[in-house]
Amino acid sequence: MNRDDATRQFHSGGDRLAELIDANPPADLPAPDTDSPMVSRSVRLPLETYERVRAVADARGIGVTTLMRQWIEAGLADLDDSATVSLADVRRALAALSRPTAA
């Protein structure tokens, strides 16, 4: 049975759809990238802000959602005084400390 036949069967109220589902192997779904349960939330951003976030994510080679999650986690860590910094930030800080200052 193809998709159109299945759709017609569903809308006609037939019970063959259950047989179709049972007859097919389970779908290969991607494994979650985390052991922690995730919650999906929508965030409305101005287009310009989103484009800036996307550019930063692209430059870092990660997805927009991953970048936003990192920023939220870092912001929350700042609130409870736990230290969460990226390795890139640590390297930039160390490099700035090693540069001689103008007198």
C-alpha atoms as a PDB file:
ATOM      1  CA  MET A   1       0.000   0.000   0.000  1.00  0.00           C
ATOM      2  CA  ASN A   2       1.403   3.384  -0.941  1.00  0.00           C
ATOM      3  CA  ARG A   3       0.952   6.684   0.888  1.00  0.00           C
ATOM      4  CA  ASP A   4      -2.101   7.766  -1.125  1.00  0.00           C
ATOM      5  CA  ASP A   5      -3.827   4.429  -0.551  1.00  0.00           C
ATOM      6  CA  ALA A   6      -3.045   4.637   3.165  1.00  0.00           C
ATOM      7  CA  THR A   7      -4.436   8.178   3.340  1.00  0.00           C
ATOM      8  CA  ARG A   8      -7.653   7.111   1.573  1.00  0.00           C
ATOM      9  CA  GLN A   9      -7.928   4.109   3.871  1.00  0.00           C
ATOM     10  CA  PHE A  10      -7.500   6.323   6.935  1.00  0.00           C
ATOM     11  CA  HIS A  11     -10.122   8.840   5.818  1.00  0.00           C
ATOM     12  CA  SER A  12     -12.603   6.114   4.892  1.00  0.00           C
ATOM     13  CA  GLY A  13     -12.437   4.718   8.415  1.00  0.00           C
ATOM     14  CA  GLY A  14     -11.101   1.341   7.339  1.00  0.00           C
ATOM     15  CA  ASP A  15      -9.219  -0.856   9.785  1.00  0.00           C
ATOM     16  CA  ARG A  16      -6.517  -2.034   7.369  1.00  0.00           C
ATOM     17  CA  LEU A  17      -4.249   0.814   8.522  1.00  0.00           C
ATOM     18  CA  ALA A  18      -3.421  -1.077  11.721  1.00  0.00           C
ATOM     19  CA  GLU A  19      -2.417  -4.074   9.613  1.00  0.00           C
ATOM     20  CA  LEU A  20      -0.217  -1.824   7.471  1.00  0.00           C
ATOM     21  CA  ILE A  21       1.521  -0.433  10.533  1.00  0.00           C
ATOM     22  CA  ASP A  22       2.060  -3.903  11.981  1.00  0.00           C
ATOM     23  CA  ALA A  23       3.404  -5.250   8.682  1.00  0.00           C
ATOM     24  CA  ASN A  24       6.215  -2.692   8.333  1.00  0.00           C
ATOM     25  CA  PRO A  25       9.479  -2.797  10.279  1.00  0.00           C
ATOM     26  CA  PRO A  26      10.079  -0.111  12.909  1.00  0.00           C
ATOM     27  CA  ALA A  27      11.642   3.076  11.587  1.00  0.00           C
ATOM     28  CA  ASP A  28      15.328   3.666  12.239  1.00  0.00           C
ATOM     29  CA  LEU A  29      15.253   6.816  14.355  1.00  0.00           C
ATOM     30  CA  PRO A  30      18.427   8.721  15.206  1.00  0.00           C
ATOM     31  CA  ALA A  31      19.789   8.186  18.684  1.00  0.00           C
ATOM     32  CA  PRO A  32      19.377  11.167  21.013  1.00  0.00           C
ATOM     33  CA  ASP A  33      22.563  13.217  21.440  1.00  0.00           C
ATOM     34  CA  THR A  34      22.076  13.388  25.197  1.00  0.00           C
ATOM     35  CA  ASP A  35      20.992  11.180  28.075  1.00  0.00           C
ATOM     36  CA  SER A  36      19.011  14.060  29.584  1.00  0.00           C
ATOM     37  CA  PRO A  37      15.396  14.478  28.570  1.00  0.00           C
ATOM     38  CA  MET A  38      14.949  17.605  26.452  1.00  0.00           C
ATOM     39  CA  VAL A  39      12.069  20.076  26.338  1.00  0.00           C
ATOM     40  CA  SER A  40      11.280  21.948  23.162  1.00  0.00           C
ATOM     41  CA  ARG A  41      10.347  25.636  23.476  1.00  0.00           C
ATOM     42  CA  SER A  42       9.665  28.268  20.845  1.00  0.00           C
ATOM     43  CA  VAL A  43      11.507  31.571  21.018  1.00  0.00           C
ATOM     44  CA  ARG A  44      10.554  34.569  18.914  1.00  0.00           C
ATOM     45  CA  LEU A  45      13.555  36.574  17.777  1.00  0.00           C
ATOM     46  CA  PRO A  46      13.877  39.534  15.461  1.00  0.00           C
ATOM     47  CA  LEU A  47      15.211  38.362  12.094  1.00  0.00           C
ATOM     48  CA  GLU A  48      18.437  40.341  12.521  1.00  0.00           C
ATOM     49  CA  THR A  49      19.094  38.731  15.912  1.00  0.00           C
ATOM     50  CA  TYR A  50      18.432  35.256  14.560  1.00  0.00           C
ATOM     51  CA  GLU A  51      20.760  35.848  11.614  1.00  0.00           C
ATOM     52  CA  ARG A  52      23.522  36.951  13.993  1.00  0.00           C
ATOM     53  CA  VAL A  53      22.991  33.867  16.162  1.00  0.00           C
ATOM     54  CA  ARG A  54      23.020  31.623  13.084  1.00  0.00           C
ATOM     55  CA  ALA A  55      26.254  33.229  11.855  1.00  0.00           C
ATOM     56  CA  VAL A  56      27.937  32.586  15.216  1.00  0.00           C
ATOM     57  CA  ALA A  57      26.684  28.987  15.254  1.00  0.00           C
ATOM     58  CA  ASP A  58      27.923  28.436  11.689  1.00  0.00           C
ATOM     59  CA  ALA A  59      31.330  29.894  12.572  1.00  0.00           C
ATOM     60  CA  ARG A  60      31.587  27.482  15.503  1.00  0.00           C
ATOM     61  CA  GLY A  61      30.378  24.530  13.441  1.00  0.00           C
ATOM     62  CA  ILE A  62      27.358  23.825  15.656  1.00  0.00           C
ATOM     63  CA  GLY A  63      23.612  24.159  15.321  1.00  0.00           C
ATOM     64  CA  VAL A  64      21.665  27.231  16.380  1.00  0.00           C
ATOM     65  CA  THR A  65      19.798  25.273  19.055  1.00  0.00           C
ATOM     66  CA  THR A  66      23.048  23.937  20.502  1.00  0.00           C
ATOM     67  CA  LEU A  67      24.518  27.438  20.639  1.00  0.00           C
ATOM     68  CA  MET A  68      21.418  28.860  22.319  1.00  0.00           C
ATOM     69  CA  ARG A  69      21.455  26.000  24.849  1.00  0.00           C
ATOM     70  CA  GLN A  70      25.135  26.738  25.620  1.00  0.00           C
ATOM     71  CA  TRP A  71      24.387  30.435  26.116  1.00  0.00           C
ATOM     72  CA  ILE A  72      21.441  29.691  28.392  1.00  0.00           C
ATOM     73  CA  GLU A  73      23.498  27.227  30.440  1.00  0.00           C
ATOM     74  CA  ALA A  74      26.344  29.749  30.726  1.00  0.00           C
ATOM     75  CA  GLY A  75      23.902  32.471  31.802  1.00  0.00           C
ATOM     76  CA  LEU A  76      22.368  30.216  34.436  1.00  0.00           C
ATOM     77  CA  ALA A  77      25.827  29.187  35.651  1.00  0.00           C
ATOM     78  CA  ASP A  78      26.657  32.881  36.032  1.00  0.00           C
ATOM     79  CA  LEU A  79      23.613  33.310  38.258  1.00  0.00           C
ATOM     80  CA  ASP A  80      24.683  30.540  40.630  1.00  0.00           C
ATOM     81  CA  ASP A  81      28.396  31.408  40.499  1.00  0.00           C
ATOM     82  CA  SER A  82      29.427  28.095  38.947  1.00  0.00           C
ATOM     83  CA  ALA A  83      32.094  28.377  36.275  1.00  0.00           C
ATOM     84  CA  THR A  84      31.127  27.488  32.719  1.00  0.00           C
ATOM     85  CA  VAL A  85      33.357  28.976  30.045  1.00  0.00           C
ATOM     86  CA  SER A  86      34.281  27.812  26.607  1.00  0.00           C
ATOM     87  CA  LEU A  87      37.823  26.718  25.873  1.00  0.00           C
ATOM     88  CA  ALA A  88      37.987  29.422  23.182  1.00  0.00           C
ATOM     89  CA  ASP A  89      37.172  32.090  25.795  1.00  0.00           C
ATOM     90  CA  VAL A  90      39.895  30.760  28.098  1.00  0.00           C
ATOM     91  CA  ARG A  91      42.435  30.821  25.264  1.00  0.00           C
ATOM     92  CA  ARG A  92      41.484  34.408  24.336  1.00  0.00           C
ATOM     93  CA  ALA A  93      41.837  35.522  27.948  1.00  0.00           C
ATOM     94  CA  LEU A  94      45.240  33.856  28.280  1.00  0.00           C
ATOM     95  CA  ALA A  95      46.407  35.389  25.010  1.00  0.00           C
ATOM     96  CA  ALA A  96      45.306  38.847  26.174  1.00  0.00           C
ATOM     97  CA  LEU A  97      47.248  38.401  29.422  1.00  0.00           C
ATOM     98  CA  SER A  98      50.430  37.427  27.593  1.00  0.00           C
ATOM     99  CA  ARG A  99      50.408  40.528  25.332  1.00  0.00           C
ATOM    100  CA  PRO A 100      52.548  43.421  26.563  1.00  0.00           C
ATOM    101  CA  THR A 101      50.582  46.525  27.406  1.00  0.00           C
ATOM    102  CA  ALA A 102      51.482  49.967  26.074  1.00  0.00           C
ATOM    103  CA  ALA A 103      52.890  52.267  28.759  1.00  0.00           C
END
